[in-house]
Amino acid sequence: MPKHFISNKDESPALFNNKFLDFFSRVHWSVPLILYVPVAIWLLYRAFVVFQVPLLTGLGLFAAGFFAWTFAEYVLHRFVFHYELPGELGKKIHFIMHGVHHDYPMDSLRLVMPPALSLPLYFLFYYLYVSLLGVEYTMAFFPGFIFGYLGYDMTHYALHHANIKHPLFKSLKEHHMVHHFHDPDHGYGVSSKIWDYVFRTTFKLEKQDKVISK
């Protein structure tokens, strides 16, 4: 069986023949922060000033939103980004959504979600939580969800391009590198490994040891 192609260079291949479309497939790591931090602050203002959500209730909702993101991250990565529809069209859609990242894992312009993908997800999750929690509580819950997402994006970028010595970061990096280079069918958590343990999608020890020993 031929070895699957993986580039170790920081290179960014074109996804579309149309340069206008291709432009929107790339994004600098700072863009999610610039886009979503003001939104989260505005939502918190509405929660505590406009709707006057009690402080402890609001903090609990914020923490719950942050935790909810870790589950959404796992589900999206496992069941959406790694799902491939049948046929050539299915392969192409999968490559555009996530396959390109596995082929070019060091591409620094495709390590955080471009707004073309994150904005539809934002509105999908926002209205989902409004329907479940109501507008008032969503104002406190959703900023936690947003900061969870931003933590995921910044962690993902750092895992590929930063050399941080903290044991927690090193553990997450080892986990993610095994997913990339040895076993893409396990290890779907990026900012947290908790749901890999819950759903038993952690790696076989010999595979992880192979990467850790390098």
C-alpha atoms as a PDB file:
ATOM      1  CA  MET A   1       0.000   0.000   0.000  1.00  0.00           C
ATOM      2  CA  PRO A   2       1.503   3.391  -0.948  1.00  0.00           C
ATOM      3  CA  LYS A   3       2.302   5.744   1.924  1.00  0.00           C
ATOM      4  CA  HIS A   4      -0.158   8.572   2.368  1.00  0.00           C
ATOM      5  CA  PHE A   5       1.290  11.946   1.353  1.00  0.00           C
ATOM      6  CA  ILE A   6       2.101  14.315   4.233  1.00  0.00           C
ATOM      7  CA  SER A   7       4.042  17.548   3.834  1.00  0.00           C
ATOM      8  CA  ASN A   8       6.223  18.727   6.718  1.00  0.00           C
ATOM      9  CA  LYS A   9       6.646  22.198   5.214  1.00  0.00           C
ATOM     10  CA  ASP A  10       4.686  25.356   5.952  1.00  0.00           C
ATOM     11  CA  GLU A  11       3.134  25.452   2.501  1.00  0.00           C
ATOM     12  CA  SER A  12      -0.413  26.309   1.475  1.00  0.00           C
ATOM     13  CA  PRO A  13      -1.730  24.575  -1.668  1.00  0.00           C
ATOM     14  CA  ALA A  14      -4.619  26.025  -3.626  1.00  0.00           C
ATOM     15  CA  LEU A  15      -8.015  24.472  -2.889  1.00  0.00           C
ATOM     16  CA  PHE A  16      -9.908  26.270  -5.645  1.00  0.00           C
ATOM     17  CA  ASN A  17      -9.011  27.325  -9.175  1.00  0.00           C
ATOM     18  CA  ASN A  18     -10.877  30.553  -8.499  1.00  0.00           C
ATOM     19  CA  LYS A  19      -8.462  32.913  -6.674  1.00  0.00           C
ATOM     20  CA  PHE A  20     -11.325  34.756  -4.968  1.00  0.00           C
ATOM     21  CA  LEU A  21     -12.671  31.534  -3.432  1.00  0.00           C
ATOM     22  CA  ASP A  22      -9.204  30.295  -2.580  1.00  0.00           C
ATOM     23  CA  PHE A  23      -8.480  33.513  -0.676  1.00  0.00           C
ATOM     24  CA  PHE A  24     -11.262  32.690   1.791  1.00  0.00           C
ATOM     25  CA  SER A  25      -9.831  29.222   2.497  1.00  0.00           C
ATOM     26  CA  ARG A  26      -6.868  30.766   4.309  1.00  0.00           C
ATOM     27  CA  VAL A  27      -6.839  32.801   7.510  1.00  0.00           C
ATOM     28  CA  HIS A  28      -4.247  34.293   9.877  1.00  0.00           C
ATOM     29  CA  TRP A  29      -4.406  32.834  13.399  1.00  0.00           C
ATOM     30  CA  SER A  30      -5.382  36.227  14.884  1.00  0.00           C
ATOM     31  CA  VAL A  31      -8.597  36.610  12.845  1.00  0.00           C
ATOM     32  CA  PRO A  32     -10.842  34.490  15.148  1.00  0.00           C
ATOM     33  CA  LEU A  33      -9.704  36.585  18.131  1.00  0.00           C
ATOM     34  CA  ILE A  34     -10.417  39.847  16.325  1.00  0.00           C
ATOM     35  CA  LEU A  35     -13.802  38.580  15.156  1.00  0.00           C
ATOM     36  CA  TYR A  36     -15.177  36.783  18.211  1.00  0.00           C
ATOM     37  CA  VAL A  37     -13.699  38.374  21.357  1.00  0.00           C
ATOM     38  CA  PRO A  38     -15.762  41.590  20.859  1.00  0.00           C
ATOM     39  CA  VAL A  39     -18.856  39.444  20.230  1.00  0.00           C
ATOM     40  CA  ALA A  40     -18.302  37.517  23.465  1.00  0.00           C
ATOM     41  CA  ILE A  41     -17.818  40.752  25.434  1.00  0.00           C
ATOM     42  CA  TRP A  42     -21.003  42.199  23.926  1.00  0.00           C
ATOM     43  CA  LEU A  43     -22.968  39.079  24.860  1.00  0.00           C
ATOM     44  CA  LEU A  44     -21.637  39.247  28.437  1.00  0.00           C
ATOM     45  CA  TYR A  45     -22.676  42.888  28.622  1.00  0.00           C
ATOM     46  CA  ARG A  46     -26.180  41.942  27.556  1.00  0.00           C
ATOM     47  CA  ALA A  47     -26.236  39.084  30.073  1.00  0.00           C
ATOM     48  CA  PHE A  48     -25.183  41.074  33.137  1.00  0.00           C
ATOM     49  CA  VAL A  49     -26.346  44.609  32.294  1.00  0.00           C
ATOM     50  CA  VAL A  50     -29.342  44.266  29.979  1.00  0.00           C
ATOM     51  CA  PHE A  51     -30.827  41.005  31.270  1.00  0.00           C
ATOM     52  CA  GLN A  52     -29.300  41.315  34.772  1.00  0.00           C
ATOM     53  CA  VAL A  53     -28.418  37.643  35.076  1.00  0.00           C
ATOM     54  CA  PRO A  54     -27.177  37.029  38.665  1.00  0.00           C
ATOM     55  CA  LEU A  55     -23.371  36.904  38.840  1.00  0.00           C
ATOM     56  CA  LEU A  56     -23.032  33.337  40.124  1.00  0.00           C
ATOM     57  CA  THR A  57     -25.640  32.084  37.670  1.00  0.00           C
ATOM     58  CA  GLY A  58     -23.863  33.858  34.822  1.00  0.00           C
ATOM     59  CA  LEU A  59     -20.456  32.481  35.820  1.00  0.00           C
ATOM     60  CA  GLY A  60     -21.917  28.974  36.026  1.00  0.00           C
ATOM     61  CA  LEU A  61     -23.472  29.349  32.590  1.00  0.00           C
ATOM     62  CA  PHE A  62     -20.194  30.690  31.192  1.00  0.00           C
ATOM     63  CA  ALA A  63     -18.306  27.674  32.584  1.00  0.00           C
ATOM     64  CA  ALA A  64     -20.967  25.326  31.198  1.00  0.00           C
ATOM     65  CA  GLY A  65     -20.621  26.948  27.776  1.00  0.00           C
ATOM     66  CA  PHE A  66     -16.860  26.519  27.855  1.00  0.00           C
ATOM     67  CA  PHE A  67     -17.257  22.837  28.746  1.00  0.00           C
ATOM     68  CA  ALA A  68     -19.952  22.385  26.084  1.00  0.00           C
ATOM     69  CA  TRP A  69     -17.455  23.515  23.462  1.00  0.00           C
ATOM     70  CA  THR A  70     -15.108  20.627  24.311  1.00  0.00           C
ATOM     71  CA  PHE A  71     -17.907  18.212  23.425  1.00  0.00           C
ATOM     72  CA  ALA A  72     -18.811  20.131  20.254  1.00  0.00           C
ATOM     73  CA  GLU A  73     -15.138  20.121  19.256  1.00  0.00           C
ATOM     74  CA  TYR A  74     -14.963  16.339  19.623  1.00  0.00           C
ATOM     75  CA  VAL A  75     -18.218  15.734  17.726  1.00  0.00           C
ATOM     76  CA  LEU A  76     -17.300  18.104  14.886  1.00  0.00           C
ATOM     77  CA  HIS A  77     -13.818  16.648  14.507  1.00  0.00           C
ATOM     78  CA  ARG A  78     -14.890  13.023  14.656  1.00  0.00           C
ATOM     79  CA  PHE A  79     -18.226  12.982  12.849  1.00  0.00           C
ATOM     80  CA  VAL A  80     -18.057  15.992  10.509  1.00  0.00           C
ATOM     81  CA  PHE A  81     -14.423  16.727   9.642  1.00  0.00           C
ATOM     82  CA  HIS A  82     -13.492  13.040   9.368  1.00  0.00           C
ATOM     83  CA  TYR A  83     -16.658  11.941   7.586  1.00  0.00           C
ATOM     84  CA  GLU A  84     -16.273  11.304   3.869  1.00  0.00           C
ATOM     85  CA  LEU A  85     -19.280  11.134   1.562  1.00  0.00           C
ATOM     86  CA  PRO A  86     -19.078   8.484  -1.188  1.00  0.00           C
ATOM     87  CA  GLY A  87     -17.721   9.194  -4.642  1.00  0.00           C
ATOM     88  CA  GLU A  88     -15.269  11.698  -6.054  1.00  0.00           C
ATOM     89  CA  LEU A  89     -17.382  14.651  -4.940  1.00  0.00           C
ATOM     90  CA  GLY A  90     -17.357  13.302  -1.393  1.00  0.00           C
ATOM     91  CA  LYS A  91     -13.578  13.010  -1.473  1.00  0.00           C
ATOM     92  CA  LYS A  92     -13.254  16.563  -2.738  1.00  0.00           C
ATOM     93  CA  ILE A  93     -15.548  17.992  -0.055  1.00  0.00           C
ATOM     94  CA  HIS A  94     -13.671  16.083   2.645  1.00  0.00           C
ATOM     95  CA  PHE A  95     -10.319  17.305   1.344  1.00  0.00           C
ATOM     96  CA  ILE A  96     -11.501  20.929   1.334  1.00  0.00           C
ATOM     97  CA  MET A  97     -12.985  20.694   4.837  1.00  0.00           C
ATOM     98  CA  HIS A  98     -10.254  18.732   6.617  1.00  0.00           C
ATOM     99  CA  GLY A  99      -8.225  16.422   4.416  1.00  0.00           C
ATOM    100  CA  VAL A 100      -5.960  19.250   3.290  1.00  0.00           C
ATOM    101  CA  HIS A 101      -4.968  19.798   6.922  1.00  0.00           C
ATOM    102  CA  HIS A 102      -3.893  16.172   7.268  1.00  0.00           C
ATOM    103  CA  ASP A 103      -1.884  16.383   4.044  1.00  0.00           C
ATOM    104  CA  TYR A 104      -0.368  19.782   4.938  1.00  0.00           C
ATOM    105  CA  PRO A 105      -0.414  19.852   8.763  1.00  0.00           C
ATOM    106  CA  MET A 106       2.140  22.673   8.973  1.00  0.00           C
ATOM    107  CA  ASP A 107       0.188  25.045   6.724  1.00  0.00           C
ATOM    108  CA  SER A 108       0.037  28.045   9.081  1.00  0.00           C
ATOM    109  CA  LEU A 109      -2.850  29.612   7.146  1.00  0.00           C
ATOM    110  CA  ARG A 110      -5.157  26.618   7.606  1.00  0.00           C
ATOM    111  CA  LEU A 111      -4.833  25.879  11.314  1.00  0.00           C
ATOM    112  CA  VAL A 112      -7.739  27.978  12.584  1.00  0.00           C
ATOM    113  CA  MET A 113     -11.258  27.994  11.161  1.00  0.00           C
ATOM    114  CA  PRO A 114     -11.800  30.530   8.381  1.00  0.00           C
ATOM    115  CA  PRO A 115     -14.855  32.760   8.928  1.00  0.00           C
ATOM    116  CA  ALA A 116     -16.491  31.087   5.927  1.00  0.00           C
ATOM    117  CA  LEU A 117     -16.806  27.987   8.143  1.00  0.00           C
ATOM    118  CA  SER A 118     -16.887  29.417  11.666  1.00  0.00           C
ATOM    119  CA  LEU A 119     -19.656  31.977  11.046  1.00  0.00           C
ATOM    120  CA  PRO A 120     -22.271  29.432   9.868  1.00  0.00           C
ATOM    121  CA  LEU A 121     -21.332  27.248  12.870  1.00  0.00           C
ATOM    122  CA  TYR A 122     -21.630  30.271  15.152  1.00  0.00           C
ATOM    123  CA  PHE A 123     -25.212  30.972  14.095  1.00  0.00           C
ATOM    124  CA  LEU A 124     -26.121  27.273  14.114  1.00  0.00           C
ATOM    125  CA  PHE A 125     -24.967  26.817  17.708  1.00  0.00           C
ATOM    126  CA  TYR A 126     -26.254  30.205  18.846  1.00  0.00           C
ATOM    127  CA  TYR A 127     -29.824  29.536  17.758  1.00  0.00           C
ATOM    128  CA  LEU A 128     -29.610  25.963  19.045  1.00  0.00           C
ATOM    129  CA  TYR A 129     -28.770  27.231  22.531  1.00  0.00           C
ATOM    130  CA  VAL A 130     -31.368  30.018  22.344  1.00  0.00           C
ATOM    131  CA  SER A 131     -33.972  27.341  21.648  1.00  0.00           C
ATOM    132  CA  LEU A 132     -32.706  25.266  24.602  1.00  0.00           C
ATOM    133  CA  LEU A 133     -31.869  27.937  27.186  1.00  0.00           C
ATOM    134  CA  GLY A 134     -33.732  31.037  26.084  1.00  0.00           C
ATOM    135  CA  VAL A 135     -32.136  34.338  25.100  1.00  0.00           C
ATOM    136  CA  GLU A 136     -31.376  35.515  28.654  1.00  0.00           C
ATOM    137  CA  TYR A 137     -29.290  32.520  29.700  1.00  0.00           C
ATOM    138  CA  THR A 138     -27.698  32.137  26.266  1.00  0.00           C
ATOM    139  CA  MET A 139     -26.192  35.620  26.700  1.00  0.00           C
ATOM    140  CA  ALA A 140     -24.063  34.204  29.552  1.00  0.00           C
ATOM    141  CA  PHE A 141     -23.661  30.650  28.235  1.00  0.00           C
ATOM    142  CA  PHE A 142     -22.565  31.425  24.691  1.00  0.00           C
ATOM    143  CA  PRO A 143     -19.532  33.606  25.542  1.00  0.00           C
ATOM    144  CA  GLY A 144     -18.130  30.569  27.377  1.00  0.00           C
ATOM    145  CA  PHE A 145     -18.769  28.512  24.258  1.00  0.00           C
ATOM    146  CA  ILE A 146     -17.004  31.166  22.149  1.00  0.00           C
ATOM    147  CA  PHE A 147     -13.974  31.273  24.442  1.00  0.00           C
ATOM    148  CA  GLY A 148     -13.869  27.479  24.359  1.00  0.00           C
ATOM    149  CA  TYR A 149     -13.780  27.662  20.564  1.00  0.00           C
ATOM    150  CA  LEU A 150     -11.059  30.330  20.629  1.00  0.00           C
ATOM    151  CA  GLY A 151      -9.062  28.172  23.045  1.00  0.00           C
ATOM    152  CA  TYR A 152      -9.368  25.308  20.565  1.00  0.00           C
ATOM    153  CA  ASP A 153      -8.235  27.417  17.610  1.00  0.00           C
ATOM    154  CA  MET A 154      -5.276  28.960  19.460  1.00  0.00           C
ATOM    155  CA  THR A 155      -4.286  25.593  20.936  1.00  0.00           C
ATOM    156  CA  HIS A 156      -4.451  23.948  17.520  1.00  0.00           C
ATOM    157  CA  TYR A 157      -2.206  26.598  16.000  1.00  0.00           C
ATOM    158  CA  ALA A 158       0.254  26.309  18.895  1.00  0.00           C
ATOM    159  CA  LEU A 159       0.356  22.509  18.702  1.00  0.00           C
ATOM    160  CA  HIS A 160       1.700  22.803  15.158  1.00  0.00           C
ATOM    161  CA  HIS A 161       3.914  25.877  15.490  1.00  0.00           C
ATOM    162  CA  ALA A 162       4.869  26.505  19.127  1.00  0.00           C
ATOM    163  CA  ASN A 163       7.458  24.814  21.335  1.00  0.00           C
ATOM    164  CA  ILE A 164       5.967  25.213  24.802  1.00  0.00           C
ATOM    165  CA  LYS A 165       7.547  23.118  27.550  1.00  0.00           C
ATOM    166  CA  HIS A 166       4.594  22.942  29.939  1.00  0.00           C
ATOM    167  CA  PRO A 167       3.653  19.275  30.632  1.00  0.00           C
ATOM    168  CA  LEU A 168      -0.026  19.826  29.754  1.00  0.00           C
ATOM    169  CA  PHE A 169       0.853  21.364  26.401  1.00  0.00           C
ATOM    170  CA  LYS A 170       3.378  18.613  25.660  1.00  0.00           C
ATOM    171  CA  SER A 171       0.745  15.991  26.454  1.00  0.00           C
ATOM    172  CA  LEU A 172      -1.780  17.615  24.101  1.00  0.00           C
ATOM    173  CA  LYS A 173       0.864  17.947  21.391  1.00  0.00           C
ATOM    174  CA  GLU A 174       1.853  14.274  21.626  1.00  0.00           C
ATOM    175  CA  HIS A 175      -1.831  13.331  21.472  1.00  0.00           C
ATOM    176  CA  HIS A 176      -2.454  15.466  18.383  1.00  0.00           C
ATOM    177  CA  MET A 177       0.706  14.399  16.564  1.00  0.00           C
ATOM    178  CA  VAL A 178      -0.220  10.719  16.970  1.00  0.00           C
ATOM    179  CA  HIS A 179      -3.597  11.564  15.425  1.00  0.00           C
ATOM    180  CA  HIS A 180      -1.862  13.215  12.479  1.00  0.00           C
ATOM    181  CA  PHE A 181       1.017  10.858  11.770  1.00  0.00           C
ATOM    182  CA  HIS A 182      -0.019   7.423  13.059  1.00  0.00           C
ATOM    183  CA  ASP A 183      -3.727   7.017  13.758  1.00  0.00           C
ATOM    184  CA  PRO A 184      -6.227   9.543  12.302  1.00  0.00           C
ATOM    185  CA  ASP A 185      -9.123   7.322  13.414  1.00  0.00           C
ATOM    186  CA  HIS A 186      -8.489   8.059  17.098  1.00  0.00           C
ATOM    187  CA  GLY A 187      -7.571  11.065  19.219  1.00  0.00           C
ATOM    188  CA  TYR A 188     -10.173  13.585  18.084  1.00  0.00           C
ATOM    189  CA  GLY A 189      -9.805  15.935  21.032  1.00  0.00           C
ATOM    190  CA  VAL A 190      -7.505  18.902  20.391  1.00  0.00           C
ATOM    191  CA  SER A 191      -7.878  21.335  23.283  1.00  0.00           C
ATOM    192  CA  SER A 192      -8.959  18.525  25.616  1.00  0.00           C
ATOM    193  CA  LYS A 193      -8.621  14.738  25.660  1.00  0.00           C
ATOM    194  CA  ILE A 194     -11.566  14.144  27.984  1.00  0.00           C
ATOM    195  CA  TRP A 195     -14.070  12.965  25.363  1.00  0.00           C
ATOM    196  CA  ASP A 196     -11.545  10.572  23.810  1.00  0.00           C
ATOM    197  CA  TYR A 197     -11.478   8.836  27.187  1.00  0.00           C
ATOM    198  CA  VAL A 198     -15.269   8.960  27.552  1.00  0.00           C
ATOM    199  CA  PHE A 199     -15.883   7.462  24.082  1.00  0.00           C
ATOM    200  CA  ARG A 200     -12.798   5.218  24.102  1.00  0.00           C
ATOM    201  CA  THR A 201     -11.074   6.773  21.105  1.00  0.00           C
ATOM    202  CA  THR A 202      -7.677   7.072  22.764  1.00  0.00           C
ATOM    203  CA  PHE A 203      -4.629   5.519  21.099  1.00  0.00           C
ATOM    204  CA  LYS A 204      -2.978   2.187  21.557  1.00  0.00           C
ATOM    205  CA  LEU A 205      -0.023   2.722  23.854  1.00  0.00           C
ATOM    206  CA  GLU A 206       2.572   1.469  21.398  1.00  0.00           C
ATOM    207  CA  LYS A 207       1.491   4.107  18.847  1.00  0.00           C
ATOM    208  CA  GLN A 208       1.727   6.938  21.357  1.00  0.00           C
ATOM    209  CA  ASP A 209       5.068   5.682  22.684  1.00  0.00           C
ATOM    210  CA  LYS A 210       6.410   5.719  19.123  1.00  0.00           C
ATOM    211  CA  VAL A 211       5.844   9.455  18.897  1.00  0.00           C
ATOM    212  CA  ILE A 212       6.801  10.305  22.485  1.00  0.00           C
ATOM    213  CA  SER A 213      10.151   8.550  22.139  1.00  0.00           C
ATOM    214  CA  LYS A 214      11.155  10.730  19.162  1.00  0.00           C
END
